[in-house]
Amino acid sequence: MTREEDQPPEIRALDGKGGGTLLAWDKAVCEELPKSMFWLHLDWDTPLAHQLLVETFGVDPVAAEALVEEDTRPRSLAAGADEMVILRGVNLTPGAEPEDMISLRMLVNERRVITLTRRALRSIAEMKQDIDGGQGPVSTGDFMATLIEKMVERVAPVLAQLEDAIDEEEDDLVEGKLSHVESTLVGVRGRIIKLRRYLAPQREALVRLSHEKLGWISPEERARLAETANQLTRNIEDLDEFRERAQVIQEEIGLYYNRRLTRSTFVITMAASVLVPLNLVAGLFGMNVGGIPGKDSPFAFWVIAALFIALGVFVYLWGRRRID
C-alpha cells in the first residue's frame, strides 16, 4: 500500500492556459499565496492537515474536518463559497486489489483547488504531468471535471476483469469444475459488493454536482460532469448484472447438490424398501415352530426367492417413476 506521508505538500500556480508552476512550499505558505489560480495537494492523514487548511488557506473548520475524516462516503455539497467533493478511485497500485478504493477529497472554488489523498492515486499523478507539460485544465471547473473523468475512466478496465472472471466461473460450471467455482465465486462476489458500495453513492454525488448552479462551472463543464455521471451509471448497471450472474451460478451449485442429495436419499430408500420386507419374511420363516409353509416342498425356497426378486424389481421401478 503506497502512502504519501513521506512527500511534502505540493502547491502549483495555474496559468489558466493549461500549464502551471510548482512553487517552493515554504515560500508559498510562509510569505504569500499565489494571486492567480492554484492547486494544493496534500496527505489528509498528516497531523497538521486540519490546521493547515483552516489557518493558512482559510477553509471553513467544518469543511476542513470533513476533508480529514478517517472514513468518508462519496458525496458532494456546498461549503460556503466552495464545493466539497469526496469520491473514491480504484486502486491500481501493483499488488493491491482494485476494489480497495482510494479516497479523494476536493475543495474547489473559482480561484483554488485543494485535493487530499492518503495513498497514491494515478489520476492525481496524471494531472501533475499534464499541468507540468502545459496540457492541463484552464480553469478550476475544468480541473474538477477532468480529474473526475480520469477517475471514472479507470473503473471500466476493472469491470472488464470482473466480467472475465464471471465468464470463467460459468464455463467451469458447465464443465463440472464445481470445487474451483466454489473456491473462487465468493471472492468475485466480494469484489462486486465492495465496488458497488462506493460507486453507487458516487453516482448520486456526480448527478448533484452536475446540477449545481456554480458560476465558475461553465455549461460545457457541467455537461461533462453529467456525462461522467451517466458513464458511472452504466458501470453500476454492469455491476448489477455481474451480481445477478454470480447469484445464478450460486443457485446452480445449490441445485446440483440438492439433486445429489435427492438421488442419495432415493438409493437409501430403495434399499430399505427391498431389505425390510426381506428381513420380515426371513424372520417369519426362521422361527423354530411347526406349520411353516413350504417346509416339506423342495421348490419353496426358489419360489420365495423369485417373489423377493420380483418385489425388489417392482419397488425399484416404482421408485424410479416417482423420483423422475
Protein backbone atom coordinates (compact mmCIF):
# COMPACT_ATOMS: atom_id res chain seq x y z
CA MET A 1 0.00 0.00 0.00
CA THR A 2 1.60 3.24 -1.13
CA ARG A 3 1.42 6.14 1.29
CA GLU A 4 2.21 9.75 0.54
CA GLU A 5 3.27 10.66 4.07
CA ASP A 6 6.92 10.96 3.06
CA GLN A 7 6.09 13.51 0.36
CA PRO A 8 5.68 17.15 1.32
CA PRO A 9 2.52 19.01 0.29
CA GLU A 10 2.66 20.45 -3.22
CA ILE A 11 1.27 23.73 -4.46
CA ARG A 12 1.16 24.74 -8.10
CA ALA A 13 0.29 28.14 -9.52
CA LEU A 14 -2.01 27.61 -12.54
CA ASP A 15 -1.66 29.97 -15.50
CA GLY A 16 -5.19 29.43 -16.90
CA LYS A 17 -3.75 28.13 -20.18
CA GLY A 18 -3.19 24.50 -19.22
CA GLY A 19 0.15 24.98 -17.53
CA GLY A 20 1.43 25.64 -14.05
CA THR A 21 4.49 26.11 -11.88
CA LEU A 22 5.43 24.04 -8.84
CA LEU A 23 6.17 26.53 -6.07
CA ALA A 24 8.57 26.22 -3.19
CA TRP A 25 6.37 25.17 -0.29
CA ASP A 26 7.94 27.31 2.43
CA LYS A 27 7.89 30.46 0.29
CA ALA A 28 4.31 29.94 -0.91
CA VAL A 29 2.91 29.25 2.55
CA CYS A 30 5.03 31.47 4.76
CA GLU A 31 5.28 34.56 2.53
CA GLU A 32 2.33 34.87 0.18
CA LEU A 33 -0.09 32.56 -1.57
CA PRO A 34 -0.32 32.79 -5.37
CA LYS A 35 -2.61 35.59 -6.55
CA SER A 36 -3.68 33.52 -9.56
CA MET A 37 -5.39 30.14 -9.56
CA PHE A 38 -3.51 27.48 -7.66
CA TRP A 39 -3.72 23.80 -6.81
CA LEU A 40 -2.82 22.45 -3.39
CA HIS A 41 -2.35 18.73 -2.91
CA LEU A 42 -1.56 17.13 0.42
CA ASP A 43 -1.96 14.00 2.55
CA TRP A 44 -5.09 14.31 4.67
CA ASP A 45 -3.67 11.93 7.28
CA THR A 46 -0.82 14.25 8.34
CA PRO A 47 -1.27 15.63 11.89
CA LEU A 48 -1.28 19.28 10.78
CA ALA A 49 -3.58 18.88 7.77
CA HIS A 50 -6.65 20.33 9.50
CA GLN A 51 -4.71 23.25 10.98
CA LEU A 52 -3.03 23.98 7.65
CA LEU A 53 -6.36 24.08 5.80
CA VAL A 54 -8.03 26.37 8.32
CA GLU A 55 -5.23 28.77 9.30
CA THR A 56 -3.23 29.04 6.07
CA PHE A 57 -5.82 28.51 3.34
CA GLY A 58 -8.89 29.87 5.09
CA VAL A 59 -11.01 26.73 4.80
CA ASP A 60 -14.14 26.62 6.92
CA PRO A 61 -13.38 24.50 10.04
CA VAL A 62 -16.41 22.25 9.48
CA ALA A 63 -15.40 21.62 5.86
CA ALA A 64 -11.79 21.02 6.93
CA GLU A 65 -12.99 18.45 9.47
CA ALA A 66 -14.94 16.63 6.76
CA LEU A 67 -11.90 16.64 4.47
CA VAL A 68 -9.66 14.86 7.01
CA GLU A 69 -12.17 12.30 8.34
CA GLU A 70 -10.87 8.75 8.57
CA ASP A 71 -13.82 7.09 6.86
CA THR A 72 -15.76 9.03 4.25
CA ARG A 73 -18.71 8.35 2.00
CA PRO A 74 -18.76 9.71 -1.58
CA ARG A 75 -20.78 12.92 -1.69
CA SER A 76 -20.78 16.50 -2.92
CA LEU A 77 -22.08 19.55 -1.11
CA ALA A 78 -21.65 23.29 -0.94
CA ALA A 79 -19.35 24.56 1.80
CA GLY A 80 -19.73 28.34 1.76
CA ALA A 81 -18.14 29.64 -1.43
CA ASP A 82 -16.51 26.24 -2.01
CA GLU A 83 -17.80 22.99 -3.44
CA MET A 84 -16.67 19.93 -1.49
CA VAL A 85 -16.49 16.67 -3.42
CA ILE A 86 -15.49 13.35 -1.85
CA LEU A 87 -15.00 10.41 -4.22
CA ARG A 88 -13.32 7.01 -4.43
CA GLY A 89 -10.93 5.84 -7.12
CA VAL A 90 -9.95 2.27 -7.95
CA ASN A 91 -6.62 1.20 -6.52
CA LEU A 92 -4.23 0.44 -9.39
CA THR A 93 -1.12 0.15 -7.20
CA PRO A 94 0.81 -3.03 -8.17
CA GLY A 95 -0.10 -5.84 -5.80
CA ALA A 96 -3.21 -4.06 -4.49
CA GLU A 97 -6.84 -5.02 -5.02
CA PRO A 98 -8.68 -2.54 -7.30
CA GLU A 99 -11.78 -2.70 -5.08
CA ASP A 100 -9.68 -1.41 -2.16
CA MET A 101 -10.66 2.05 -3.33
CA ILE A 102 -8.69 5.21 -2.57
CA SER A 103 -10.45 8.21 -1.09
CA LEU A 104 -10.05 11.56 -2.85
CA ARG A 105 -11.29 14.73 -1.19
CA MET A 106 -11.62 18.00 -3.14
CA LEU A 107 -12.48 21.53 -2.17
CA VAL A 108 -12.90 23.80 -5.19
CA ASN A 109 -13.86 27.38 -5.85
CA GLU A 110 -13.20 29.91 -8.59
CA ARG A 111 -9.62 30.56 -7.52
CA ARG A 112 -8.26 27.42 -5.91
CA VAL A 113 -8.36 23.64 -5.98
CA ILE A 114 -7.45 21.64 -2.88
CA THR A 115 -7.11 17.87 -3.19
CA LEU A 116 -6.29 15.41 -0.44
CA THR A 117 -5.41 11.71 -0.56
CA ARG A 118 -3.61 9.31 1.74
CA ARG A 119 -2.45 6.83 -0.88
CA ALA A 120 -1.05 7.43 -4.34
CA LEU A 121 -3.76 7.92 -6.95
CA ARG A 122 -2.85 7.66 -10.63
CA SER A 123 -5.36 10.30 -11.65
CA ILE A 124 -3.55 12.83 -9.43
CA ALA A 125 -0.18 11.83 -10.88
CA GLU A 126 -1.56 12.31 -14.40
CA MET A 127 -2.92 15.74 -13.53
CA LYS A 128 0.52 16.77 -12.30
CA GLN A 129 2.12 15.55 -15.52
CA ASP A 130 -0.48 17.32 -17.68
CA ILE A 131 -0.03 20.62 -15.87
CA ASP A 132 3.75 20.43 -15.86
CA GLY A 133 3.60 19.70 -19.61
CA GLY A 134 1.24 22.59 -20.34
CA GLN A 135 -1.67 20.27 -21.24
CA GLY A 136 -3.68 20.65 -18.05
CA PRO A 137 -7.02 22.30 -17.22
CA VAL A 138 -7.57 26.00 -17.89
CA SER A 139 -9.98 26.70 -15.00
CA THR A 140 -10.92 25.25 -11.65
CA GLY A 141 -14.18 23.90 -13.13
CA ASP A 142 -12.19 22.28 -15.93
CA PHE A 143 -9.79 20.87 -13.32
CA MET A 144 -12.59 19.26 -11.34
CA ALA A 145 -14.35 17.83 -14.42
CA THR A 146 -11.07 16.46 -15.84
CA LEU A 147 -9.95 14.83 -12.59
CA ILE A 148 -13.34 13.16 -12.10
CA GLU A 149 -13.29 11.91 -15.71
CA LYS A 150 -9.85 10.37 -15.18
CA MET A 151 -11.05 8.58 -12.06
CA VAL A 152 -14.22 7.18 -13.63
CA GLU A 153 -12.40 6.07 -16.80
CA ARG A 154 -10.29 3.73 -14.68
CA VAL A 155 -13.35 1.82 -13.49
CA ALA A 156 -14.06 0.24 -16.91
CA PRO A 157 -10.89 -1.96 -17.06
CA VAL A 158 -11.63 -3.27 -13.56
CA LEU A 159 -15.18 -4.18 -14.62
CA ALA A 160 -13.78 -5.95 -17.70
CA GLN A 161 -11.66 -8.11 -15.39
CA LEU A 162 -14.72 -8.91 -13.30
CA GLU A 163 -16.69 -9.86 -16.41
CA ASP A 164 -13.89 -12.21 -17.48
CA ALA A 165 -13.94 -13.78 -14.01
CA ILE A 166 -17.72 -14.33 -14.20
CA ASP A 167 -17.38 -15.83 -17.69
CA GLU A 168 -14.74 -18.22 -16.37
CA GLU A 169 -16.98 -19.22 -13.47
CA GLU A 170 -19.83 -20.00 -15.88
CA ASP A 171 -17.53 -22.05 -18.13
CA ASP A 172 -16.21 -24.03 -15.14
CA LEU A 173 -19.78 -24.66 -14.00
CA VAL A 174 -20.70 -26.10 -17.41
CA GLU A 175 -17.57 -28.29 -17.36
CA GLY A 176 -18.41 -29.56 -13.87
CA LYS A 177 -15.48 -27.95 -12.05
CA LEU A 178 -17.59 -27.22 -9.02
CA SER A 179 -14.78 -27.21 -6.48
CA HIS A 180 -12.97 -24.47 -8.40
CA VAL A 181 -16.16 -22.45 -8.83
CA GLU A 182 -16.96 -22.67 -5.12
CA SER A 183 -13.46 -21.57 -4.11
CA THR A 184 -13.38 -18.51 -6.40
CA LEU A 185 -17.01 -17.37 -6.60
CA VAL A 186 -17.00 -15.94 -3.07
CA GLY A 187 -14.05 -13.71 -3.94
CA VAL A 188 -15.70 -12.45 -7.12
CA ARG A 189 -18.94 -11.62 -5.33
CA GLY A 190 -16.98 -9.83 -2.62
CA ARG A 191 -15.25 -7.65 -5.21
CA ILE A 192 -18.59 -6.74 -6.77
CA ILE A 193 -20.03 -5.76 -3.40
CA LYS A 194 -17.04 -3.60 -2.47
CA LEU A 195 -17.03 -1.74 -5.77
CA ARG A 196 -20.75 -1.08 -5.73
CA ARG A 197 -20.62 0.12 -2.15
CA TYR A 198 -18.75 3.25 -3.21
CA LEU A 199 -19.74 3.64 -6.85
CA ALA A 200 -23.48 3.89 -6.13
CA PRO A 201 -23.26 6.96 -3.83
CA GLN A 202 -20.56 8.37 -6.11
CA ARG A 203 -23.07 8.45 -8.97
CA GLU A 204 -25.51 10.39 -6.81
CA ALA A 205 -22.75 12.86 -5.88
CA LEU A 206 -21.89 13.48 -9.53
CA VAL A 207 -25.54 13.90 -10.53
CA ARG A 208 -25.95 16.51 -7.81
CA LEU A 209 -22.70 18.21 -8.81
CA SER A 210 -23.78 18.43 -12.45
CA HIS A 211 -26.92 20.29 -11.36
CA GLU A 212 -25.17 22.72 -9.04
CA LYS A 213 -25.57 26.37 -10.07
CA LEU A 214 -21.95 27.45 -9.65
CA GLY A 215 -20.70 30.48 -11.54
CA TRP A 216 -17.22 29.06 -12.04
CA ILE A 217 -18.52 25.92 -13.79
CA SER A 218 -19.28 26.53 -17.46
CA PRO A 219 -22.18 24.84 -19.28
CA GLU A 220 -19.66 22.67 -21.13
CA GLU A 221 -18.05 21.53 -17.88
CA ARG A 222 -21.48 20.86 -16.39
CA ALA A 223 -22.33 18.70 -19.43
CA ARG A 224 -19.05 16.79 -18.97
CA LEU A 225 -19.92 16.12 -15.34
CA ALA A 226 -23.38 14.87 -16.39
CA GLU A 227 -21.81 12.55 -18.97
CA THR A 228 -19.38 11.23 -16.38
CA ALA A 229 -22.31 10.54 -14.05
CA ASN A 230 -24.04 8.70 -16.91
CA GLN A 231 -20.93 6.62 -17.53
CA LEU A 232 -20.80 5.74 -13.85
CA THR A 233 -24.46 4.73 -14.03
CA ARG A 234 -23.60 2.27 -16.82
CA ASN A 235 -20.77 0.91 -14.68
CA ILE A 236 -23.15 0.31 -11.80
CA GLU A 237 -25.62 -1.42 -14.14
CA ASP A 238 -22.78 -3.70 -15.24
CA LEU A 239 -22.03 -4.48 -11.59
CA ASP A 240 -25.69 -5.31 -11.01
CA GLU A 241 -25.60 -7.68 -13.99
CA PHE A 242 -22.44 -9.35 -12.66
CA ARG A 243 -24.04 -9.72 -9.25
CA GLU A 244 -27.12 -11.40 -10.75
CA ARG A 245 -25.00 -13.75 -12.85
CA ALA A 246 -22.97 -14.69 -9.78
CA GLN A 247 -26.22 -15.34 -7.91
CA VAL A 248 -27.43 -17.63 -10.72
CA ILE A 249 -24.15 -19.57 -10.54
CA GLN A 250 -24.57 -19.93 -6.77
CA GLU A 251 -28.13 -21.19 -7.25
CA GLU A 252 -26.99 -23.70 -9.88
CA ILE A 253 -24.41 -25.07 -7.45
CA GLY A 254 -27.13 -25.39 -4.81
CA LEU A 255 -29.42 -27.20 -7.25
CA TYR A 256 -26.63 -29.61 -8.18
CA TYR A 257 -26.05 -30.59 -4.56
CA ASN A 258 -29.80 -30.86 -3.95
CA ARG A 259 -30.07 -33.28 -6.86
CA ARG A 260 -27.19 -35.32 -5.49
CA LEU A 261 -28.82 -35.43 -2.08
CA THR A 262 -32.14 -36.46 -3.61
CA ARG A 263 -30.55 -39.32 -5.53
CA SER A 264 -28.62 -40.49 -2.46
CA THR A 265 -31.82 -40.45 -0.44
CA PHE A 266 -33.55 -42.40 -3.23
CA VAL A 267 -30.90 -45.13 -3.16
CA ILE A 268 -31.18 -45.47 0.60
CA THR A 269 -34.98 -45.52 0.41
CA MET A 270 -34.95 -48.19 -2.31
CA ALA A 271 -32.55 -50.34 -0.35
CA ALA A 272 -34.73 -50.06 2.74
CA SER A 273 -37.89 -50.78 0.71
CA VAL A 274 -36.38 -54.05 -0.51
CA LEU A 275 -34.50 -55.17 2.58
CA VAL A 276 -37.17 -54.50 5.20
CA PRO A 277 -39.72 -56.95 3.67
CA LEU A 278 -36.92 -59.49 3.20
CA ASN A 279 -35.94 -59.26 6.86
CA LEU A 280 -39.57 -59.58 7.89
CA VAL A 281 -40.17 -62.69 5.81
CA ALA A 282 -36.81 -64.18 6.75
CA GLY A 283 -37.67 -63.67 10.40
CA LEU A 284 -41.04 -65.32 9.98
CA PHE A 285 -39.69 -68.34 8.13
CA GLY A 286 -36.78 -68.66 10.51
CA MET A 287 -38.96 -69.28 13.53
CA ASN A 288 -38.47 -72.73 15.01
CA VAL A 289 -42.17 -73.63 15.17
CA GLY A 290 -44.39 -76.06 13.35
CA GLY A 291 -46.65 -75.15 10.45
CA ILE A 292 -44.10 -73.15 8.41
CA PRO A 293 -45.48 -73.04 4.80
CA GLY A 294 -43.42 -74.93 2.24
CA LYS A 295 -41.37 -76.72 4.88
CA ASP A 296 -41.61 -80.04 3.05
CA SER A 297 -41.60 -78.66 -0.52
CA PRO A 298 -38.26 -78.83 -2.48
CA PHE A 299 -39.30 -75.77 -4.51
CA ALA A 300 -40.38 -73.48 -1.67
CA PHE A 301 -37.01 -71.68 -1.37
CA TRP A 302 -36.88 -70.88 -5.09
CA VAL A 303 -40.47 -69.68 -5.11
CA ILE A 304 -39.82 -67.32 -2.22
CA ALA A 305 -36.52 -66.11 -3.78
CA ALA A 306 -38.34 -65.38 -7.06
CA LEU A 307 -41.05 -63.49 -5.18
CA PHE A 308 -38.38 -61.42 -3.39
CA ILE A 309 -36.62 -60.65 -6.67
CA ALA A 310 -39.90 -59.65 -8.30
CA LEU A 311 -40.72 -57.48 -5.28
CA GLY A 312 -37.33 -55.78 -5.46
CA VAL A 313 -37.67 -55.05 -9.18
CA PHE A 314 -41.20 -53.72 -8.67
CA VAL A 315 -40.15 -51.42 -5.82
CA TYR A 316 -37.16 -50.16 -7.82
CA LEU A 317 -39.21 -49.38 -10.93
CA TRP A 318 -41.97 -47.76 -8.89
CA GLY A 319 -39.44 -45.61 -7.07
CA ARG A 320 -37.75 -44.53 -10.29
CA ARG A 321 -41.09 -43.46 -11.69
CA ARG A 322 -41.83 -41.44 -8.56
CA ILE A 323 -38.37 -39.78 -8.47
CA ASP A 324 -38.49 -38.82 -12.18
